[in-house]
Amino acid sequence: MKLADGLLLESCREVATKYPSIKYNEIIVDNCCMQLESCREVATKYPSIKYNEIIVDNCCMQLVAKPEQFDVMVTPNLYGNLVANTAAGIAGGTGVMPGGNVEADNAVFEQGASAGNVGNEKVLQQKKANPVALLLSSAMMLRHLQFPSFADRLETVVKRVISESKYQTKDLGGDSTAQQVIEAVIAILD
């Protein structure tokens, strides 16, 4: 229960901090017994948050068809990967998908989806990996650590660099290296 409680509180705090008009209307869980029982129990503590259970394949289809229906998702690792990779496809690829794994006492922020390209030697050797997901994950970490102004600043600069289209990696249609994208972000931050 501690895990689900921590996930719910952190996720809702994150959404409320960034998007205050959003209502917390969905929590997605799988059929993993311990997690399911824990989420059900925690949901009773927060009656203002609509609790829902959905099978992972339907969740992925619904994510593509009507993504606005989801606010917070709680999943085990495997199902989280499936959902994250689906979301990455919608967002433009794994290189732009930030991610965070939050528990009551610990948090890890990393690229949110991999779809098989994390550790791809060819991408690494050519220095063509897209650093955007890690930069945006860093912004999530800053927000988690209660540095929202730094997080907002980093997100704004990363979005600006992407939208200007001058520095983009191959997956976004450009030919920049990861280092060039990072240097473009740093130049604006300075």
N, C-alpha and C. Protein backbone atom coordinates (compact mmCIF):
# COMPACT_ATOMS: atom_id res chain seq x y z
N MET A 1 0.82 -1.19 0.00
CA MET A 1 0.00 0.00 0.00
C MET A 1 0.87 1.25 0.00
N LYS A 2 1.99 1.22 0.67
CA LYS A 2 2.87 2.38 0.75
C LYS A 2 3.29 2.83 -0.65
N LEU A 3 3.59 1.87 -1.53
CA LEU A 3 4.01 2.20 -2.89
C LEU A 3 2.89 2.90 -3.64
N ALA A 4 1.70 2.34 -3.65
CA ALA A 4 0.58 2.95 -4.37
C ALA A 4 0.25 4.32 -3.79
N ASP A 5 0.27 4.44 -2.46
CA ASP A 5 -0.01 5.70 -1.80
C ASP A 5 1.00 6.76 -2.23
N GLY A 6 2.28 6.40 -2.22
CA GLY A 6 3.33 7.32 -2.63
C GLY A 6 3.23 7.71 -4.08
N LEU A 7 2.94 6.74 -4.94
CA LEU A 7 2.78 7.02 -6.37
C LEU A 7 1.62 7.97 -6.60
N LEU A 8 0.53 7.71 -5.94
CA LEU A 8 -0.65 8.55 -6.12
C LEU A 8 -0.38 9.97 -5.66
N LEU A 9 0.18 10.12 -4.48
CA LEU A 9 0.44 11.45 -3.95
C LEU A 9 1.43 12.21 -4.83
N GLU A 10 2.53 11.57 -5.23
CA GLU A 10 3.53 12.24 -6.06
C GLU A 10 2.96 12.59 -7.43
N SER A 11 2.24 11.68 -8.04
CA SER A 11 1.68 11.94 -9.36
C SER A 11 0.68 13.07 -9.31
N CYS A 12 -0.17 13.06 -8.32
CA CYS A 12 -1.17 14.12 -8.22
C CYS A 12 -0.52 15.46 -7.91
N ARG A 13 0.51 15.46 -7.10
CA ARG A 13 1.23 16.70 -6.81
C ARG A 13 1.86 17.23 -8.08
N GLU A 14 2.44 16.34 -8.89
CA GLU A 14 3.06 16.74 -10.14
C GLU A 14 2.03 17.33 -11.10
N VAL A 15 0.93 16.68 -11.26
CA VAL A 15 -0.10 17.18 -12.17
C VAL A 15 -0.67 18.49 -11.66
N ALA A 16 -0.93 18.58 -10.38
CA ALA A 16 -1.50 19.79 -9.82
C ALA A 16 -0.54 20.96 -9.93
N THR A 17 0.74 20.70 -9.79
CA THR A 17 1.74 21.76 -9.89
C THR A 17 1.83 22.28 -11.32
N LYS A 18 1.78 21.40 -12.27
CA LYS A 18 2.00 21.79 -13.65
C LYS A 18 0.71 22.18 -14.37
N TYR A 19 -0.38 21.49 -14.09
CA TYR A 19 -1.64 21.71 -14.79
C TYR A 19 -2.76 21.84 -13.76
N PRO A 20 -2.87 22.98 -13.09
CA PRO A 20 -3.83 23.09 -12.00
C PRO A 20 -5.29 22.90 -12.41
N SER A 21 -5.64 23.04 -13.69
CA SER A 21 -7.04 22.89 -14.08
C SER A 21 -7.44 21.44 -14.34
N ILE A 22 -6.48 20.56 -14.38
CA ILE A 22 -6.77 19.15 -14.66
C ILE A 22 -7.38 18.49 -13.44
N LYS A 23 -8.43 17.70 -13.67
CA LYS A 23 -9.01 16.90 -12.60
C LYS A 23 -8.34 15.55 -12.62
N TYR A 24 -8.12 14.99 -11.47
CA TYR A 24 -7.48 13.68 -11.38
C TYR A 24 -8.56 12.62 -11.57
N ASN A 25 -8.77 12.20 -12.82
CA ASN A 25 -9.93 11.36 -13.07
C ASN A 25 -9.63 9.91 -13.39
N GLU A 26 -8.38 9.50 -13.45
CA GLU A 26 -8.08 8.12 -13.79
C GLU A 26 -6.82 7.65 -13.07
N ILE A 27 -6.86 6.44 -12.58
CA ILE A 27 -5.67 5.74 -12.13
C ILE A 27 -5.75 4.39 -12.79
N ILE A 28 -4.72 4.00 -13.51
CA ILE A 28 -4.76 2.76 -14.25
C ILE A 28 -3.89 1.73 -13.55
N VAL A 29 -4.42 0.54 -13.37
CA VAL A 29 -3.65 -0.53 -12.75
C VAL A 29 -3.82 -1.80 -13.57
N ASP A 30 -2.99 -2.77 -13.33
CA ASP A 30 -3.11 -4.06 -14.02
C ASP A 30 -3.71 -5.08 -13.06
N ASN A 31 -3.70 -6.33 -13.46
CA ASN A 31 -4.28 -7.38 -12.64
C ASN A 31 -3.28 -8.04 -11.70
N CYS A 32 -2.14 -7.45 -11.47
CA CYS A 32 -1.17 -7.98 -10.53
C CYS A 32 -1.79 -7.87 -9.13
N CYS A 33 -1.99 -9.00 -8.49
CA CYS A 33 -2.81 -9.06 -7.27
C CYS A 33 -2.38 -8.09 -6.18
N MET A 34 -1.11 -8.09 -5.79
CA MET A 34 -0.69 -7.22 -4.69
C MET A 34 -0.88 -5.76 -5.05
N GLN A 35 -0.46 -5.40 -6.26
CA GLN A 35 -0.60 -4.01 -6.67
C GLN A 35 -2.06 -3.63 -6.77
N LEU A 36 -2.86 -4.50 -7.33
CA LEU A 36 -4.28 -4.24 -7.49
C LEU A 36 -4.95 -4.04 -6.13
N GLU A 37 -4.67 -4.91 -5.19
CA GLU A 37 -5.24 -4.79 -3.85
C GLU A 37 -4.78 -3.49 -3.20
N SER A 38 -3.51 -3.17 -3.34
CA SER A 38 -2.96 -1.96 -2.75
C SER A 38 -3.62 -0.72 -3.35
N CYS A 39 -3.74 -0.69 -4.66
CA CYS A 39 -4.35 0.47 -5.32
C CYS A 39 -5.82 0.62 -4.92
N ARG A 40 -6.52 -0.47 -4.83
CA ARG A 40 -7.93 -0.41 -4.40
C ARG A 40 -8.04 0.17 -3.00
N GLU A 41 -7.15 -0.28 -2.12
CA GLU A 41 -7.19 0.21 -0.74
C GLU A 41 -6.85 1.70 -0.68
N VAL A 42 -5.82 2.10 -1.40
CA VAL A 42 -5.41 3.51 -1.40
C VAL A 42 -6.51 4.37 -2.01
N ALA A 43 -7.17 3.88 -3.05
CA ALA A 43 -8.22 4.65 -3.71
C ALA A 43 -9.33 5.05 -2.74
N THR A 44 -9.58 4.23 -1.72
CA THR A 44 -10.63 4.57 -0.75
C THR A 44 -10.25 5.79 0.09
N LYS A 45 -8.96 6.10 0.17
CA LYS A 45 -8.50 7.26 0.93
C LYS A 45 -8.70 8.57 0.17
N TYR A 46 -8.90 8.48 -1.14
CA TYR A 46 -8.99 9.66 -1.99
C TYR A 46 -10.28 9.60 -2.80
N PRO A 47 -11.42 9.78 -2.17
CA PRO A 47 -12.69 9.64 -2.88
C PRO A 47 -12.89 10.65 -4.00
N SER A 48 -12.18 11.77 -3.98
CA SER A 48 -12.34 12.78 -5.04
C SER A 48 -11.63 12.38 -6.34
N ILE A 49 -10.81 11.33 -6.27
CA ILE A 49 -10.10 10.85 -7.46
C ILE A 49 -10.80 9.61 -7.98
N LYS A 50 -11.22 9.67 -9.23
CA LYS A 50 -11.91 8.52 -9.82
C LYS A 50 -10.92 7.40 -10.06
N TYR A 51 -11.17 6.25 -9.46
CA TYR A 51 -10.31 5.08 -9.61
C TYR A 51 -10.89 4.17 -10.68
N ASN A 52 -10.03 3.64 -11.54
CA ASN A 52 -10.47 2.78 -12.61
C ASN A 52 -9.43 1.70 -12.85
N GLU A 53 -9.87 0.55 -13.28
CA GLU A 53 -8.97 -0.54 -13.65
C GLU A 53 -9.18 -0.85 -15.12
N ILE A 54 -8.09 -1.13 -15.82
CA ILE A 54 -8.18 -1.39 -17.25
C ILE A 54 -7.12 -2.42 -17.64
N ILE A 55 -7.45 -3.29 -18.57
CA ILE A 55 -6.50 -4.29 -19.07
C ILE A 55 -5.50 -3.57 -19.97
N VAL A 56 -4.24 -3.97 -19.92
CA VAL A 56 -3.16 -3.23 -20.56
C VAL A 56 -3.35 -3.07 -22.08
N ASP A 57 -3.83 -4.08 -22.79
CA ASP A 57 -3.98 -3.92 -24.24
C ASP A 57 -5.06 -2.90 -24.57
N ASN A 58 -6.15 -2.91 -23.80
CA ASN A 58 -7.18 -1.89 -23.99
C ASN A 58 -6.65 -0.51 -23.61
N CYS A 59 -5.84 -0.45 -22.57
CA CYS A 59 -5.24 0.81 -22.15
C CYS A 59 -4.43 1.43 -23.29
N CYS A 60 -3.60 0.61 -23.95
CA CYS A 60 -2.79 1.13 -25.05
C CYS A 60 -3.66 1.61 -26.21
N MET A 61 -4.71 0.86 -26.53
CA MET A 61 -5.62 1.28 -27.59
C MET A 61 -6.32 2.59 -27.21
N GLN A 62 -6.79 2.67 -25.97
CA GLN A 62 -7.46 3.89 -25.51
C GLN A 62 -6.49 5.09 -25.48
N LEU A 63 -5.24 4.82 -25.17
CA LEU A 63 -4.23 5.88 -25.15
C LEU A 63 -4.06 6.49 -26.53
N VAL A 64 -4.12 5.66 -27.56
CA VAL A 64 -4.01 6.15 -28.93
C VAL A 64 -5.31 6.86 -29.34
N ALA A 65 -6.44 6.26 -29.01
CA ALA A 65 -7.73 6.79 -29.46
C ALA A 65 -8.17 8.05 -28.70
N LYS A 66 -8.03 8.03 -27.37
CA LYS A 66 -8.52 9.14 -26.53
C LYS A 66 -7.54 9.39 -25.38
N PRO A 67 -6.36 9.91 -25.65
CA PRO A 67 -5.36 10.07 -24.58
C PRO A 67 -5.80 11.03 -23.47
N GLU A 68 -6.67 11.96 -23.78
CA GLU A 68 -7.09 12.95 -22.79
C GLU A 68 -7.85 12.34 -21.62
N GLN A 69 -8.28 11.09 -21.73
CA GLN A 69 -9.02 10.47 -20.63
C GLN A 69 -8.12 10.01 -19.49
N PHE A 70 -6.81 10.02 -19.70
CA PHE A 70 -5.87 9.55 -18.68
C PHE A 70 -5.12 10.72 -18.05
N ASP A 71 -5.04 10.68 -16.72
CA ASP A 71 -4.25 11.67 -15.99
C ASP A 71 -3.08 11.01 -15.29
N VAL A 72 -3.33 9.96 -14.53
CA VAL A 72 -2.31 9.27 -13.76
C VAL A 72 -2.43 7.78 -14.03
N MET A 73 -1.30 7.13 -14.25
CA MET A 73 -1.31 5.68 -14.44
C MET A 73 -0.37 5.04 -13.43
N VAL A 74 -0.84 3.97 -12.82
CA VAL A 74 -0.02 3.19 -11.90
C VAL A 74 0.06 1.80 -12.50
N THR A 75 1.27 1.37 -12.85
CA THR A 75 1.45 0.06 -13.47
C THR A 75 2.71 -0.61 -12.93
N PRO A 76 2.79 -1.92 -13.06
CA PRO A 76 4.07 -2.57 -12.78
C PRO A 76 5.00 -2.31 -13.96
N ASN A 77 6.24 -2.67 -13.82
CA ASN A 77 7.27 -2.34 -14.81
C ASN A 77 6.92 -2.79 -16.23
N LEU A 78 6.56 -4.03 -16.42
CA LEU A 78 6.29 -4.54 -17.78
C LEU A 78 5.17 -3.77 -18.45
N TYR A 79 4.05 -3.62 -17.77
CA TYR A 79 2.93 -2.91 -18.37
C TYR A 79 3.25 -1.43 -18.54
N GLY A 80 4.02 -0.89 -17.62
CA GLY A 80 4.46 0.50 -17.76
C GLY A 80 5.28 0.69 -19.02
N ASN A 81 6.14 -0.28 -19.34
CA ASN A 81 6.93 -0.21 -20.56
C ASN A 81 6.04 -0.23 -21.80
N LEU A 82 5.05 -1.10 -21.80
CA LEU A 82 4.13 -1.17 -22.94
C LEU A 82 3.40 0.16 -23.14
N VAL A 83 2.88 0.69 -22.05
CA VAL A 83 2.14 1.95 -22.12
C VAL A 83 3.08 3.10 -22.51
N ALA A 84 4.28 3.13 -21.94
CA ALA A 84 5.24 4.20 -22.24
C ALA A 84 5.67 4.17 -23.71
N ASN A 85 5.89 2.99 -24.25
CA ASN A 85 6.29 2.89 -25.65
C ASN A 85 5.14 3.29 -26.57
N THR A 86 3.91 2.99 -26.19
CA THR A 86 2.75 3.45 -26.95
C THR A 86 2.69 4.97 -26.93
N ALA A 87 2.84 5.55 -25.75
CA ALA A 87 2.81 7.00 -25.62
C ALA A 87 3.96 7.65 -26.40
N ALA A 88 5.12 7.01 -26.39
CA ALA A 88 6.27 7.55 -27.13
C ALA A 88 5.96 7.60 -28.62
N GLY A 89 5.29 6.58 -29.13
CA GLY A 89 4.91 6.59 -30.54
C GLY A 89 4.00 7.74 -30.87
N ILE A 90 3.11 8.08 -29.96
CA ILE A 90 2.20 9.20 -30.16
C ILE A 90 2.95 10.53 -30.09
N ALA A 91 3.90 10.62 -29.17
CA ALA A 91 4.62 11.87 -28.91
C ALA A 91 5.73 12.17 -29.92
N GLY A 92 6.15 11.19 -30.71
CA GLY A 92 7.19 11.46 -31.69
C GLY A 92 8.39 10.55 -31.58
N GLY A 93 8.36 9.60 -30.68
CA GLY A 93 9.46 8.64 -30.57
C GLY A 93 10.04 8.59 -29.18
N THR A 94 10.84 7.57 -28.95
CA THR A 94 11.39 7.36 -27.62
C THR A 94 12.39 8.43 -27.21
N GLY A 95 12.96 9.11 -28.16
CA GLY A 95 13.95 10.14 -27.85
C GLY A 95 13.38 11.39 -27.21
N VAL A 96 12.07 11.54 -27.24
CA VAL A 96 11.45 12.73 -26.65
C VAL A 96 10.58 12.41 -25.44
N MET A 97 10.59 11.15 -25.01
CA MET A 97 9.68 10.70 -23.95
C MET A 97 10.38 10.65 -22.60
N PRO A 98 10.13 11.64 -21.71
CA PRO A 98 10.73 11.59 -20.38
C PRO A 98 10.00 10.56 -19.53
N GLY A 99 10.62 10.18 -18.43
CA GLY A 99 9.98 9.22 -17.55
C GLY A 99 10.46 9.35 -16.12
N GLY A 100 9.62 8.89 -15.22
CA GLY A 100 9.97 8.88 -13.81
C GLY A 100 9.34 7.70 -13.13
N ASN A 101 10.09 7.10 -12.25
CA ASN A 101 9.61 5.99 -11.42
C ASN A 101 9.64 6.50 -9.99
N VAL A 102 8.47 6.69 -9.41
CA VAL A 102 8.38 7.34 -8.11
C VAL A 102 7.77 6.39 -7.09
N GLU A 103 8.43 6.27 -5.96
CA GLU A 103 7.92 5.53 -4.82
C GLU A 103 7.80 6.51 -3.67
N ALA A 104 7.33 6.04 -2.55
CA ALA A 104 7.15 6.91 -1.39
C ALA A 104 8.47 7.54 -0.94
N ASP A 105 9.58 6.77 -0.97
CA ASP A 105 10.85 7.27 -0.46
C ASP A 105 11.95 7.41 -1.51
N ASN A 106 11.69 6.97 -2.74
CA ASN A 106 12.73 6.98 -3.77
C ASN A 106 12.14 7.43 -5.09
N ALA A 107 13.01 7.93 -5.95
CA ALA A 107 12.57 8.30 -7.30
C ALA A 107 13.75 8.17 -8.25
N VAL A 108 13.46 7.71 -9.46
CA VAL A 108 14.46 7.60 -10.52
C VAL A 108 13.85 8.24 -11.76
N PHE A 109 14.60 9.11 -12.41
CA PHE A 109 14.12 9.77 -13.61
C PHE A 109 15.04 9.39 -14.76
N GLU A 110 14.42 8.97 -15.88
CA GLU A 110 15.17 8.44 -17.01
C GLU A 110 14.35 8.58 -18.28
N GLN A 111 14.94 8.21 -19.39
CA GLN A 111 14.18 8.17 -20.64
C GLN A 111 12.95 7.32 -20.39
N GLY A 112 11.77 7.80 -20.79
CA GLY A 112 10.53 7.15 -20.44
C GLY A 112 10.17 5.92 -21.25
N ALA A 113 10.78 5.75 -22.39
CA ALA A 113 10.48 4.59 -23.24
C ALA A 113 11.75 4.21 -23.98
N SER A 114 11.90 2.93 -24.26
CA SER A 114 13.13 2.52 -24.94
C SER A 114 12.86 1.88 -26.29
N ALA A 115 11.84 1.06 -26.38
CA ALA A 115 11.51 0.37 -27.63
C ALA A 115 12.74 -0.24 -28.29
N GLY A 116 13.66 -0.73 -27.48
CA GLY A 116 14.80 -1.46 -28.00
C GLY A 116 16.00 -0.64 -28.43
N ASN A 117 15.99 0.68 -28.26
CA ASN A 117 17.13 1.44 -28.74
C ASN A 117 18.04 1.97 -27.63
N VAL A 118 17.77 1.66 -26.39
CA VAL A 118 18.70 2.03 -25.33
C VAL A 118 19.89 1.09 -25.43
N GLY A 119 21.08 1.64 -25.50
CA GLY A 119 22.29 0.83 -25.61
C GLY A 119 22.60 0.39 -27.02
N ASN A 120 21.90 0.92 -28.00
CA ASN A 120 22.16 0.60 -29.40
C ASN A 120 23.54 1.12 -29.76
N GLU A 121 24.48 0.22 -29.98
CA GLU A 121 25.88 0.60 -30.22
C GLU A 121 26.05 1.53 -31.42
N LYS A 122 25.33 1.27 -32.50
CA LYS A 122 25.45 2.10 -33.70
C LYS A 122 25.05 3.55 -33.41
N VAL A 123 23.93 3.72 -32.71
CA VAL A 123 23.47 5.06 -32.35
C VAL A 123 24.49 5.73 -31.43
N LEU A 124 25.03 4.96 -30.48
CA LEU A 124 26.02 5.51 -29.56
C LEU A 124 27.30 5.91 -30.27
N GLN A 125 27.80 5.06 -31.15
CA GLN A 125 29.04 5.35 -31.87
C GLN A 125 28.90 6.58 -32.77
N GLN A 126 27.75 6.73 -33.38
CA GLN A 126 27.53 7.87 -34.26
C GLN A 126 27.14 9.13 -33.49
N LYS A 127 26.95 8.99 -32.18
CA LYS A 127 26.56 10.11 -31.32
C LYS A 127 25.26 10.76 -31.78
N LYS A 128 24.32 9.91 -32.23
CA LYS A 128 23.05 10.38 -32.78
C LYS A 128 21.88 10.19 -31.82
N ALA A 129 22.13 9.68 -30.62
CA ALA A 129 21.04 9.48 -29.66
C ALA A 129 20.40 10.82 -29.31
N ASN A 130 19.12 10.84 -29.23
CA ASN A 130 18.39 12.07 -28.90
C ASN A 130 18.44 12.29 -27.39
N PRO A 131 19.01 13.42 -26.94
CA PRO A 131 19.12 13.68 -25.50
C PRO A 131 17.88 14.33 -24.89
N VAL A 132 16.88 14.63 -25.72
CA VAL A 132 15.71 15.37 -25.23
C VAL A 132 15.00 14.64 -24.10
N ALA A 133 14.80 13.33 -24.22
CA ALA A 133 14.11 12.59 -23.17
C ALA A 133 14.85 12.71 -21.83
N LEU A 134 16.17 12.63 -21.87
CA LEU A 134 16.93 12.75 -20.62
C LEU A 134 16.89 14.17 -20.07
N LEU A 135 16.90 15.16 -20.95
CA LEU A 135 16.80 16.54 -20.50
C LEU A 135 15.44 16.81 -19.86
N LEU A 136 14.38 16.30 -20.49
CA LEU A 136 13.04 16.49 -19.92
C LEU A 136 12.85 15.67 -18.64
N SER A 137 13.50 14.51 -18.57
CA SER A 137 13.48 13.73 -17.33
C SER A 137 14.19 14.48 -16.22
N SER A 138 15.24 15.20 -16.57
CA SER A 138 15.94 16.04 -15.59
C SER A 138 15.02 17.14 -15.07
N ALA A 139 14.20 17.69 -15.95
CA ALA A 139 13.23 18.70 -15.51
C ALA A 139 12.21 18.08 -14.56
N MET A 140 11.78 16.85 -14.85
CA MET A 140 10.87 16.16 -13.93
C MET A 140 11.52 15.97 -12.57
N MET A 141 12.80 15.61 -12.57
CA MET A 141 13.53 15.42 -11.32
C MET A 141 13.61 16.74 -10.55
N LEU A 142 13.91 17.82 -11.25
CA LEU A 142 13.99 19.12 -10.59
C LEU A 142 12.65 19.49 -9.95
N ARG A 143 11.57 19.21 -10.65
CA ARG A 143 10.25 19.49 -10.09
C ARG A 143 9.99 18.61 -8.86
N HIS A 144 10.37 17.36 -8.95
CA HIS A 144 10.22 16.44 -7.82
C HIS A 144 11.01 16.92 -6.60
N LEU A 145 12.16 17.50 -6.84
CA LEU A 145 13.02 18.00 -5.76
C LEU A 145 12.62 19.40 -5.30
N GLN A 146 11.47 19.87 -5.77
CA GLN A 146 10.91 21.17 -5.37
C GLN A 146 11.69 22.36 -5.95
N PHE A 147 12.15 22.21 -7.18
CA PHE A 147 12.77 23.32 -7.91
C PHE A 147 11.97 23.60 -9.18
N PRO A 148 10.70 23.99 -9.04
CA PRO A 148 9.84 24.14 -10.21
C PRO A 148 10.30 25.22 -11.20
N SER A 149 10.90 26.29 -10.71
CA SER A 149 11.33 27.34 -11.64
C SER A 149 12.47 26.85 -12.53
N PHE A 150 13.39 26.05 -11.96
CA PHE A 150 14.47 25.48 -12.77
C PHE A 150 13.91 24.46 -13.77
N ALA A 151 12.95 23.67 -13.31
CA ALA A 151 12.33 22.68 -14.20
C ALA A 151 11.62 23.38 -15.36
N ASP A 152 10.86 24.41 -15.05
CA ASP A 152 10.15 25.14 -16.11
C ASP A 152 11.12 25.76 -17.11
N ARG A 153 12.20 26.31 -16.59
CA ARG A 153 13.20 26.94 -17.46
C ARG A 153 13.83 25.91 -18.40
N LEU A 154 14.23 24.76 -17.86
CA LEU A 154 14.83 23.72 -18.69
C LEU A 154 13.84 23.23 -19.74
N GLU A 155 12.60 22.94 -19.34
CA GLU A 155 11.58 22.48 -20.30
C GLU A 155 11.36 23.50 -21.41
N THR A 156 11.27 24.77 -21.04
CA THR A 156 11.04 25.83 -22.02
C THR A 156 12.18 25.89 -23.03
N VAL A 157 13.40 25.81 -22.55
CA VAL A 157 14.56 25.88 -23.45
C VAL A 157 14.61 24.66 -24.36
N VAL A 158 14.37 23.47 -23.82
CA VAL A 158 14.39 22.26 -24.65
C VAL A 158 13.32 22.35 -25.74
N LYS A 159 12.13 22.77 -25.38
CA LYS A 159 11.05 22.93 -26.37
C LYS A 159 11.42 23.96 -27.42
N ARG A 160 12.08 25.02 -27.00
CA ARG A 160 12.51 26.07 -27.95
C ARG A 160 13.52 25.51 -28.94
N VAL A 161 14.50 24.77 -28.45
CA VAL A 161 15.52 24.19 -29.33
C VAL A 161 14.87 23.24 -30.33
N ILE A 162 13.94 22.42 -29.87
CA ILE A 162 13.25 21.49 -30.78
C ILE A 162 12.43 22.26 -31.82
N SER A 163 11.67 23.24 -31.37
CA SER A 163 10.77 23.96 -32.28
C SER A 163 11.51 24.80 -33.31
N GLU A 164 12.71 25.27 -32.97
CA GLU A 164 13.49 26.05 -33.93
C GLU A 164 14.06 25.19 -35.06
N SER A 165 14.09 23.88 -34.86
CA SER A 165 14.51 22.89 -35.88
C SER A 165 15.95 23.01 -36.35
N LYS A 166 16.74 23.84 -35.72
CA LYS A 166 18.14 23.97 -36.14
C LYS A 166 18.98 22.82 -35.61
N TYR A 167 18.70 22.40 -34.40
CA TYR A 167 19.43 21.30 -33.77
C TYR A 167 18.47 20.17 -33.43
N GLN A 168 18.41 19.20 -34.31
CA GLN A 168 17.57 18.03 -34.09
C GLN A 168 18.33 16.78 -34.50
N THR A 169 18.13 15.74 -33.73
CA THR A 169 18.77 14.47 -34.06
C THR A 169 18.00 13.78 -35.19
N LYS A 170 18.58 12.71 -35.71
CA LYS A 170 18.02 12.03 -36.87
C LYS A 170 16.57 11.59 -36.66
N ASP A 171 16.24 11.12 -35.46
CA ASP A 171 14.88 10.65 -35.21
C ASP A 171 13.83 11.75 -35.33
N LEU A 172 14.26 13.01 -35.26
CA LEU A 172 13.34 14.14 -35.42
C LEU A 172 13.49 14.80 -36.79
N GLY A 173 14.26 14.17 -37.66
CA GLY A 173 14.41 14.68 -39.03
C GLY A 173 15.63 15.55 -39.25
N GLY A 174 16.50 15.67 -38.26
CA GLY A 174 17.70 16.48 -38.40
C GLY A 174 18.94 15.63 -38.55
N ASP A 175 20.10 16.28 -38.44
CA ASP A 175 21.35 15.54 -38.52
C ASP A 175 22.33 15.94 -37.42
N SER A 176 21.81 16.55 -36.36
CA SER A 176 22.65 16.98 -35.25
C SER A 176 23.03 15.80 -34.37
N THR A 177 24.17 15.95 -33.72
CA THR A 177 24.57 14.95 -32.73
C THR A 177 23.92 15.30 -31.39
N ALA A 178 23.96 14.35 -30.48
CA ALA A 178 23.44 14.59 -29.13
C ALA A 178 24.15 15.78 -28.50
N GLN A 179 25.47 15.84 -28.68
CA GLN A 179 26.25 16.93 -28.10
C GLN A 179 25.83 18.29 -28.64
N GLN A 180 25.55 18.37 -29.93
CA GLN A 180 25.12 19.63 -30.51
C GLN A 180 23.77 20.10 -29.94
N VAL A 181 22.86 19.16 -29.72
CA VAL A 181 21.57 19.51 -29.13
C VAL A 181 21.78 20.00 -27.71
N ILE A 182 22.60 19.29 -26.94
CA ILE A 182 22.87 19.69 -25.56
C ILE A 182 23.54 21.06 -25.51
N GLU A 183 24.51 21.30 -26.38
CA GLU A 183 25.18 22.60 -26.42
C GLU A 183 24.21 23.72 -26.79
N ALA A 184 23.26 23.45 -27.66
CA ALA A 184 22.24 24.45 -28.02
C ALA A 184 21.39 24.80 -26.80
N VAL A 185 21.02 23.79 -26.03
CA VAL A 185 20.24 24.00 -24.81
C VAL A 185 21.05 24.82 -23.81
N ILE A 186 22.31 24.44 -23.61
CA ILE A 186 23.17 25.14 -22.65
C ILE A 186 23.38 26.60 -23.07
N ALA A 187 23.55 26.84 -24.35
CA ALA A 187 23.77 28.21 -24.84
C ALA A 187 22.60 29.11 -24.49
N ILE A 188 21.39 28.59 -24.59
CA ILE A 188 20.21 29.41 -24.26
C ILE A 188 20.08 29.55 -22.75
N LEU A 189 20.40 28.49 -22.01
CA LEU A 189 20.32 28.57 -20.55
C LEU A 189 21.31 29.57 -19.97
N ASP A 190 22.48 29.67 -20.60
CA ASP A 190 23.50 30.62 -20.09
C ASP A 190 23.06 32.00 -20.31
